[in-house]
Amino acid sequence: MKTKFIVVQLFLYIVFIILDLRSGYTFVSSSLKLLTIGLCLMWLIGNLIFETKHSDNKGSILKFKWMTTILSFTFVSDIFLLFTKHYTVGIATFIMVQILYACMVRKVKLKRALVIVLLVSVFGVIIFIFSKTNTVFTESFLMGFEVLIYAILFISNLIVYGSRSGLSDRNKWLFIGLCLYAICDLQVAIYNLPPNSVIPSSVIQFVAIGMWLFYLPGQVLLTLSTNKKGYL
């Protein structure tokens, strides 16, 4: 099952990269990209159901619960970022993803982590409503604030996961997956720099495609880190 999953992901990966290299196929490419993340989520859900029914290994079941929850938020984020202009919502849900990664590595109980996410979500909704009725806290200000919080969380997660990458094969693959994920985010940041920035246009053109060159492999590694043996 894992081999078929990787083969399908590789095929879709090659197809949407080819489409990105050609113009006029944005919707099809974006749909395939979302499909790949959806397949990661489906793979986790299927394995979670199987483990719950056929295994009494609580540790294995818990790994699948954590990653299924995280990929659910990731999937929602990608919907907003790929198909809508509601980027603040997409970034907000990615903040939830980083909060969950932070809780997972610190062995916070999943239910407690979800309570934290809920409280942060409520706080975020309040700020969003306030920004709509206040001329100071504009949407661009709110997005900048979100990006700052996201960056702080992601960098701290990279440091923690990196410090523990040698403890197990699973931690190693989690760290590598997050590193690929981070490279994607760095390219997103470069792509969204002002047009008059010092970054050459050729670099901007590359990162427009390069984001998903690293993002999908990172998400696949994070998904497969739940493997019973902890490695690919």
C-alpha atoms as a PDB file:
ATOM      1  CA  MET A   1       0.000   0.000   0.000  1.00  0.00           C
ATOM      2  CA  LYS A   2       2.832   2.376   0.863  1.00  0.00           C
ATOM      3  CA  THR A   3       4.611   1.714  -2.445  1.00  0.00           C
ATOM      4  CA  LYS A   4       1.427   2.418  -4.423  1.00  0.00           C
ATOM      5  CA  PHE A   5       0.924   5.607  -2.425  1.00  0.00           C
ATOM      6  CA  ILE A   6       4.434   6.823  -3.262  1.00  0.00           C
ATOM      7  CA  VAL A   7       4.086   5.889  -6.957  1.00  0.00           C
ATOM      8  CA  VAL A   8       0.769   7.764  -7.290  1.00  0.00           C
ATOM      9  CA  GLN A   9       2.205  10.800  -5.513  1.00  0.00           C
ATOM     10  CA  LEU A  10       5.273  10.760  -7.749  1.00  0.00           C
ATOM     11  CA  PHE A  11       3.112  10.596 -10.873  1.00  0.00           C
ATOM     12  CA  LEU A  12       0.922  13.518  -9.773  1.00  0.00           C
ATOM     13  CA  TYR A  13       4.043  15.429  -8.721  1.00  0.00           C
ATOM     14  CA  ILE A  14       5.601  15.099 -12.180  1.00  0.00           C
ATOM     15  CA  VAL A  15       2.334  16.050 -13.908  1.00  0.00           C
ATOM     16  CA  PHE A  16       1.695  19.241 -11.950  1.00  0.00           C
ATOM     17  CA  ILE A  17       5.343  20.319 -12.265  1.00  0.00           C
ATOM     18  CA  ILE A  18       5.064  19.926 -16.056  1.00  0.00           C
ATOM     19  CA  LEU A  19       1.825  21.934 -15.998  1.00  0.00           C
ATOM     20  CA  ASP A  20       3.499  24.652 -13.905  1.00  0.00           C
ATOM     21  CA  LEU A  21       6.278  24.909 -16.479  1.00  0.00           C
ATOM     22  CA  ARG A  22       3.641  25.672 -19.081  1.00  0.00           C
ATOM     23  CA  SER A  23       1.210  28.569 -18.879  1.00  0.00           C
ATOM     24  CA  GLY A  24      -2.575  28.386 -18.792  1.00  0.00           C
ATOM     25  CA  TYR A  25      -3.020  25.318 -16.582  1.00  0.00           C
ATOM     26  CA  THR A  26      -3.157  26.941 -13.142  1.00  0.00           C
ATOM     27  CA  PHE A  27      -6.523  25.512 -12.096  1.00  0.00           C
ATOM     28  CA  VAL A  28      -5.671  21.967 -13.206  1.00  0.00           C
ATOM     29  CA  SER A  29      -2.257  22.162 -11.530  1.00  0.00           C
ATOM     30  CA  SER A  30      -3.752  23.545  -8.308  1.00  0.00           C
ATOM     31  CA  SER A  31      -6.389  20.789  -8.318  1.00  0.00           C
ATOM     32  CA  LEU A  32      -3.705  18.114  -8.651  1.00  0.00           C
ATOM     33  CA  LYS A  33      -1.698  19.725  -5.847  1.00  0.00           C
ATOM     34  CA  LEU A  34      -4.700  19.675  -3.536  1.00  0.00           C
ATOM     35  CA  LEU A  35      -5.353  16.070  -4.573  1.00  0.00           C
ATOM     36  CA  THR A  36      -1.846  15.060  -3.446  1.00  0.00           C
ATOM     37  CA  ILE A  37      -2.447  16.533   0.022  1.00  0.00           C
ATOM     38  CA  GLY A  38      -5.874  14.904   0.083  1.00  0.00           C
ATOM     39  CA  LEU A  39      -4.221  11.560  -0.697  1.00  0.00           C
ATOM     40  CA  CYS A  40      -1.828  12.065   2.222  1.00  0.00           C
ATOM     41  CA  LEU A  41      -4.823  12.666   4.476  1.00  0.00           C
ATOM     42  CA  MET A  42      -6.715   9.662   3.080  1.00  0.00           C
ATOM     43  CA  TRP A  43      -3.645   7.451   3.558  1.00  0.00           C
ATOM     44  CA  LEU A  44      -3.457   8.500   7.204  1.00  0.00           C
ATOM     45  CA  ILE A  45      -7.182   8.035   7.805  1.00  0.00           C
ATOM     46  CA  GLY A  46      -7.113   4.585   6.205  1.00  0.00           C
ATOM     47  CA  ASN A  47      -4.161   3.502   8.321  1.00  0.00           C
ATOM     48  CA  LEU A  48      -5.724   4.981  11.459  1.00  0.00           C
ATOM     49  CA  ILE A  49      -8.892   2.949  10.872  1.00  0.00           C
ATOM     50  CA  PHE A  50      -6.861  -0.201  10.183  1.00  0.00           C
ATOM     51  CA  GLU A  51      -4.646   0.272  13.257  1.00  0.00           C
ATOM     52  CA  THR A  52      -7.657   0.970  15.482  1.00  0.00           C
ATOM     53  CA  LYS A  53      -9.404  -2.222  14.334  1.00  0.00           C
ATOM     54  CA  HIS A  54      -6.465  -4.621  14.091  1.00  0.00           C
ATOM     55  CA  SER A  55      -3.837  -3.372  16.525  1.00  0.00           C
ATOM     56  CA  ASP A  56      -3.625  -2.748  20.237  1.00  0.00           C
ATOM     57  CA  ASN A  57      -0.450  -0.672  19.806  1.00  0.00           C
ATOM     58  CA  LYS A  58      -1.572   2.586  21.410  1.00  0.00           C
ATOM     59  CA  GLY A  59       1.627   4.359  20.401  1.00  0.00           C
ATOM     60  CA  SER A  60       1.089   3.579  16.709  1.00  0.00           C
ATOM     61  CA  ILE A  61      -2.565   4.611  16.856  1.00  0.00           C
ATOM     62  CA  LEU A  62      -1.638   7.859  18.577  1.00  0.00           C
ATOM     63  CA  LYS A  63       0.907   8.696  15.831  1.00  0.00           C
ATOM     64  CA  PHE A  64      -1.777   8.298  13.198  1.00  0.00           C
ATOM     65  CA  LYS A  65      -4.240  10.402  15.223  1.00  0.00           C
ATOM     66  CA  TRP A  66      -1.712  13.226  15.515  1.00  0.00           C
ATOM     67  CA  MET A  67      -0.746  13.268  11.843  1.00  0.00           C
ATOM     68  CA  THR A  68      -4.349  12.860  10.668  1.00  0.00           C
ATOM     69  CA  THR A  69      -5.305  15.916  12.706  1.00  0.00           C
ATOM     70  CA  ILE A  70      -2.324  17.903  11.430  1.00  0.00           C
ATOM     71  CA  LEU A  71      -2.940  16.961   7.784  1.00  0.00           C
ATOM     72  CA  SER A  72      -6.611  17.892   8.146  1.00  0.00           C
ATOM     73  CA  PHE A  73      -5.611  21.456   9.028  1.00  0.00           C
ATOM     74  CA  THR A  74      -2.999  21.399   6.251  1.00  0.00           C
ATOM     75  CA  PHE A  75      -5.622  20.353   3.715  1.00  0.00           C
ATOM     76  CA  VAL A  76      -7.929  23.196   4.752  1.00  0.00           C
ATOM     77  CA  SER A  77      -5.032  25.667   4.515  1.00  0.00           C
ATOM     78  CA  ASP A  78      -4.183  24.563   0.999  1.00  0.00           C
ATOM     79  CA  ILE A  79      -7.803  24.970  -0.119  1.00  0.00           C
ATOM     80  CA  PHE A  80      -7.763  28.620   0.937  1.00  0.00           C
ATOM     81  CA  LEU A  81      -4.291  29.341  -0.435  1.00  0.00           C
ATOM     82  CA  LEU A  82      -4.736  27.555  -3.754  1.00  0.00           C
ATOM     83  CA  PHE A  83      -8.309  28.485  -4.667  1.00  0.00           C
ATOM     84  CA  THR A  84      -9.273  31.662  -2.803  1.00  0.00           C
ATOM     85  CA  LYS A  85      -7.981  35.108  -1.985  1.00  0.00           C
ATOM     86  CA  HIS A  86      -8.598  34.541   1.741  1.00  0.00           C
ATOM     87  CA  TYR A  87      -4.897  34.206   2.490  1.00  0.00           C
ATOM     88  CA  THR A  88      -5.298  35.292   6.123  1.00  0.00           C
ATOM     89  CA  VAL A  89      -7.486  32.229   6.741  1.00  0.00           C
ATOM     90  CA  GLY A  90      -4.993  29.942   5.022  1.00  0.00           C
ATOM     91  CA  ILE A  91      -2.097  31.308   7.077  1.00  0.00           C
ATOM     92  CA  ALA A  92      -4.188  31.090  10.261  1.00  0.00           C
ATOM     93  CA  THR A  93      -4.854  27.391   9.741  1.00  0.00           C
ATOM     94  CA  PHE A  94      -1.147  26.838   9.019  1.00  0.00           C
ATOM     95  CA  ILE A  95      -0.447  28.470  12.390  1.00  0.00           C
ATOM     96  CA  MET A  96      -2.693  25.787  13.890  1.00  0.00           C
ATOM     97  CA  VAL A  97      -0.570  23.192  12.085  1.00  0.00           C
ATOM     98  CA  GLN A  98       2.608  24.529  13.708  1.00  0.00           C
ATOM     99  CA  ILE A  99       0.923  24.652  17.122  1.00  0.00           C
ATOM    100  CA  LEU A 100       0.009  20.973  16.717  1.00  0.00           C
ATOM    101  CA  TYR A 101       3.570  20.052  15.681  1.00  0.00           C
ATOM    102  CA  ALA A 102       4.845  21.941  18.741  1.00  0.00           C
ATOM    103  CA  CYS A 103       2.408  20.089  21.006  1.00  0.00           C
ATOM    104  CA  MET A 104       3.198  16.695  19.453  1.00  0.00           C
ATOM    105  CA  VAL A 105       6.958  16.959  19.956  1.00  0.00           C
ATOM    106  CA  ARG A 106       6.422  18.120  23.555  1.00  0.00           C
ATOM    107  CA  LYS A 107       4.109  15.139  24.177  1.00  0.00           C
ATOM    108  CA  VAL A 108       1.084  17.279  24.997  1.00  0.00           C
ATOM    109  CA  LYS A 109      -2.100  15.203  24.939  1.00  0.00           C
ATOM    110  CA  LEU A 110      -3.952  15.499  21.640  1.00  0.00           C
ATOM    111  CA  LYS A 111      -7.216  16.598  23.288  1.00  0.00           C
ATOM    112  CA  ARG A 112      -5.384  19.335  25.168  1.00  0.00           C
ATOM    113  CA  ALA A 113      -3.631  20.413  21.976  1.00  0.00           C
ATOM    114  CA  LEU A 114      -7.004  20.721  20.234  1.00  0.00           C
ATOM    115  CA  VAL A 115      -8.283  22.860  23.111  1.00  0.00           C
ATOM    116  CA  ILE A 116      -5.244  25.130  22.622  1.00  0.00           C
ATOM    117  CA  VAL A 117      -5.985  25.321  18.896  1.00  0.00           C
ATOM    118  CA  LEU A 118      -9.630  26.156  19.648  1.00  0.00           C
ATOM    119  CA  LEU A 119      -8.677  28.950  22.045  1.00  0.00           C
ATOM    120  CA  VAL A 120      -6.188  30.395  19.546  1.00  0.00           C
ATOM    121  CA  SER A 121      -8.849  30.172  16.830  1.00  0.00           C
ATOM    122  CA  VAL A 122     -11.324  32.119  18.954  1.00  0.00           C
ATOM    123  CA  PHE A 123      -8.661  34.753  19.649  1.00  0.00           C
ATOM    124  CA  GLY A 124      -7.893  34.912  15.930  1.00  0.00           C
ATOM    125  CA  VAL A 125     -11.563  35.398  15.016  1.00  0.00           C
ATOM    126  CA  ILE A 126     -11.825  38.255  17.537  1.00  0.00           C
ATOM    127  CA  ILE A 127      -8.765  39.954  16.032  1.00  0.00           C
ATOM    128  CA  PHE A 128     -10.144  39.423  12.518  1.00  0.00           C
ATOM    129  CA  ILE A 129     -13.490  41.006  13.425  1.00  0.00           C
ATOM    130  CA  PHE A 130     -11.685  43.870  15.138  1.00  0.00           C
ATOM    131  CA  SER A 131      -9.539  44.430  12.029  1.00  0.00           C
ATOM    132  CA  LYS A 132     -12.696  44.819   9.938  1.00  0.00           C
ATOM    133  CA  THR A 133     -13.940  47.642  12.173  1.00  0.00           C
ATOM    134  CA  ASN A 134     -10.603  49.379  12.765  1.00  0.00           C
ATOM    135  CA  THR A 135      -8.624  51.408  10.239  1.00  0.00           C
ATOM    136  CA  VAL A 136      -5.307  50.792  12.025  1.00  0.00           C
ATOM    137  CA  PHE A 137      -5.341  46.993  11.987  1.00  0.00           C
ATOM    138  CA  THR A 138      -5.806  46.500   8.269  1.00  0.00           C
ATOM    139  CA  GLU A 139      -5.875  43.112   6.532  1.00  0.00           C
ATOM    140  CA  SER A 140      -2.263  43.573   5.398  1.00  0.00           C
ATOM    141  CA  PHE A 141      -1.254  44.318   8.995  1.00  0.00           C
ATOM    142  CA  LEU A 142      -3.120  41.230  10.166  1.00  0.00           C
ATOM    143  CA  MET A 143      -1.418  39.074   7.521  1.00  0.00           C
ATOM    144  CA  GLY A 144       1.995  40.409   8.502  1.00  0.00           C
ATOM    145  CA  PHE A 145       1.261  39.616  12.146  1.00  0.00           C
ATOM    146  CA  GLU A 146       0.169  36.104  11.195  1.00  0.00           C
ATOM    147  CA  VAL A 147       3.325  35.525   9.151  1.00  0.00           C
ATOM    148  CA  LEU A 148       5.463  36.643  12.100  1.00  0.00           C
ATOM    149  CA  ILE A 149       3.703  34.264  14.524  1.00  0.00           C
ATOM    150  CA  TYR A 150       3.904  31.443  11.977  1.00  0.00           C
ATOM    151  CA  ALA A 151       7.628  32.016  11.383  1.00  0.00           C
ATOM    152  CA  ILE A 152       8.403  32.036  15.120  1.00  0.00           C
ATOM    153  CA  LEU A 153       6.479  28.798  15.661  1.00  0.00           C
ATOM    154  CA  PHE A 154       8.022  27.080  12.627  1.00  0.00           C
ATOM    155  CA  ILE A 155      11.602  28.062  13.492  1.00  0.00           C
ATOM    156  CA  SER A 156      11.164  26.914  17.089  1.00  0.00           C
ATOM    157  CA  ASN A 157       9.709  23.611  15.848  1.00  0.00           C
ATOM    158  CA  LEU A 158      12.657  23.104  13.494  1.00  0.00           C
ATOM    159  CA  ILE A 159      15.077  23.673  16.377  1.00  0.00           C
ATOM    160  CA  VAL A 160      13.265  21.245  18.681  1.00  0.00           C
ATOM    161  CA  TYR A 161      12.739  18.539  16.049  1.00  0.00           C
ATOM    162  CA  GLY A 162      16.326  19.002  14.870  1.00  0.00           C
ATOM    163  CA  SER A 163      17.657  18.518  18.393  1.00  0.00           C
ATOM    164  CA  ARG A 164      15.707  15.260  18.653  1.00  0.00           C
ATOM    165  CA  SER A 165      16.285  13.967  15.108  1.00  0.00           C
ATOM    166  CA  GLY A 166      18.939  11.531  16.305  1.00  0.00           C
ATOM    167  CA  LEU A 167      16.708   9.910  18.902  1.00  0.00           C
ATOM    168  CA  SER A 168      14.752   7.771  16.428  1.00  0.00           C
ATOM    169  CA  ASP A 169      14.259   7.171  12.709  1.00  0.00           C
ATOM    170  CA  ARG A 170      10.783   8.694  12.952  1.00  0.00           C
ATOM    171  CA  ASN A 171      12.145  11.917  14.457  1.00  0.00           C
ATOM    172  CA  LYS A 172      14.738  12.031  11.669  1.00  0.00           C
ATOM    173  CA  TRP A 173      12.113  11.802   8.931  1.00  0.00           C
ATOM    174  CA  LEU A 174       9.882  14.304  10.712  1.00  0.00           C
ATOM    175  CA  PHE A 175      12.781  16.758  10.796  1.00  0.00           C
ATOM    176  CA  ILE A 176      13.682  16.211   7.119  1.00  0.00           C
ATOM    177  CA  GLY A 177      10.024  16.647   6.158  1.00  0.00           C
ATOM    178  CA  LEU A 178       9.802  19.890   8.116  1.00  0.00           C
ATOM    179  CA  CYS A 179      13.027  21.141   6.507  1.00  0.00           C
ATOM    180  CA  LEU A 180      11.577  20.614   3.018  1.00  0.00           C
ATOM    181  CA  TYR A 181       8.406  22.307   4.224  1.00  0.00           C
ATOM    182  CA  ALA A 182      10.525  25.258   5.465  1.00  0.00           C
ATOM    183  CA  ILE A 183      12.332  25.573   2.124  1.00  0.00           C
ATOM    184  CA  CYS A 184       8.924  25.851   0.470  1.00  0.00           C
ATOM    185  CA  ASP A 185       7.909  28.612   2.901  1.00  0.00           C
ATOM    186  CA  LEU A 186      11.148  30.473   2.247  1.00  0.00           C
ATOM    187  CA  GLN A 187      10.342  30.442  -1.459  1.00  0.00           C
ATOM    188  CA  VAL A 188       6.816  31.669  -0.729  1.00  0.00           C
ATOM    189  CA  ALA A 189       8.358  34.598   1.156  1.00  0.00           C
ATOM    190  CA  ILE A 190      10.675  35.400  -1.772  1.00  0.00           C
ATOM    191  CA  TYR A 191       7.807  35.150  -4.262  1.00  0.00           C
ATOM    192  CA  ASN A 192       5.752  37.670  -2.276  1.00  0.00           C
ATOM    193  CA  LEU A 193       8.500  40.298  -2.028  1.00  0.00           C
ATOM    194  CA  PRO A 194       7.660  43.709  -3.582  1.00  0.00           C
ATOM    195  CA  PRO A 195       8.173  43.886  -7.381  1.00  0.00           C
ATOM    196  CA  ASN A 196      11.008  46.412  -6.998  1.00  0.00           C
ATOM    197  CA  SER A 197      13.041  44.139  -4.702  1.00  0.00           C
ATOM    198  CA  VAL A 198      16.655  43.189  -5.460  1.00  0.00           C
ATOM    199  CA  ILE A 199      15.684  39.580  -6.186  1.00  0.00           C
ATOM    200  CA  PRO A 200      16.211  38.811  -9.920  1.00  0.00           C
ATOM    201  CA  SER A 201      13.093  38.016 -11.932  1.00  0.00           C
ATOM    202  CA  SER A 202      14.601  34.635 -12.862  1.00  0.00           C
ATOM    203  CA  VAL A 203      14.677  33.699  -9.183  1.00  0.00           C
ATOM    204  CA  ILE A 204      11.055  34.801  -8.750  1.00  0.00           C
ATOM    205  CA  GLN A 205      10.082  32.641 -11.730  1.00  0.00           C
ATOM    206  CA  PHE A 206      11.887  29.644 -10.238  1.00  0.00           C
ATOM    207  CA  VAL A 207      10.373  29.924  -6.762  1.00  0.00           C
ATOM    208  CA  ALA A 208       6.898  30.195  -8.293  1.00  0.00           C
ATOM    209  CA  ILE A 209       7.395  26.568  -9.337  1.00  0.00           C
ATOM    210  CA  GLY A 210       9.917  25.579  -6.681  1.00  0.00           C
ATOM    211  CA  MET A 211       7.482  25.995  -3.782  1.00  0.00           C
ATOM    212  CA  TRP A 212       5.736  22.713  -4.512  1.00  0.00           C
ATOM    213  CA  LEU A 213       8.979  21.047  -5.602  1.00  0.00           C
ATOM    214  CA  PHE A 214       9.790  20.922  -1.887  1.00  0.00           C
ATOM    215  CA  TYR A 215       6.352  21.166  -0.283  1.00  0.00           C
ATOM    216  CA  LEU A 216       4.871  17.891  -1.528  1.00  0.00           C
ATOM    217  CA  PRO A 217       7.969  15.737  -0.794  1.00  0.00           C
ATOM    218  CA  GLY A 218       8.008  17.284   2.686  1.00  0.00           C
ATOM    219  CA  GLN A 219       4.348  16.457   3.276  1.00  0.00           C
ATOM    220  CA  VAL A 220       4.814  12.903   1.984  1.00  0.00           C
ATOM    221  CA  LEU A 221       7.752  12.360   4.365  1.00  0.00           C
ATOM    222  CA  LEU A 222       5.742  13.764   7.268  1.00  0.00           C
ATOM    223  CA  THR A 223       2.864  11.468   6.343  1.00  0.00           C
ATOM    224  CA  LEU A 224       5.058   8.370   6.065  1.00  0.00           C
ATOM    225  CA  SER A 225       6.808   9.160   9.363  1.00  0.00           C
ATOM    226  CA  THR A 226       3.848   7.347  10.934  1.00  0.00           C
ATOM    227  CA  ASN A 227       5.073   4.084   9.428  1.00  0.00           C
ATOM    228  CA  LYS A 228       5.338   1.344  12.050  1.00  0.00           C
ATOM    229  CA  LYS A 229       9.098   1.047  11.595  1.00  0.00           C
ATOM    230  CA  GLY A 230       9.431   4.825  11.572  1.00  0.00           C
ATOM    231  CA  TYR A 231      11.319   5.029   8.283  1.00  0.00           C
ATOM    232  CA  LEU A 232      10.628   4.800   4.546  1.00  0.00           C
END
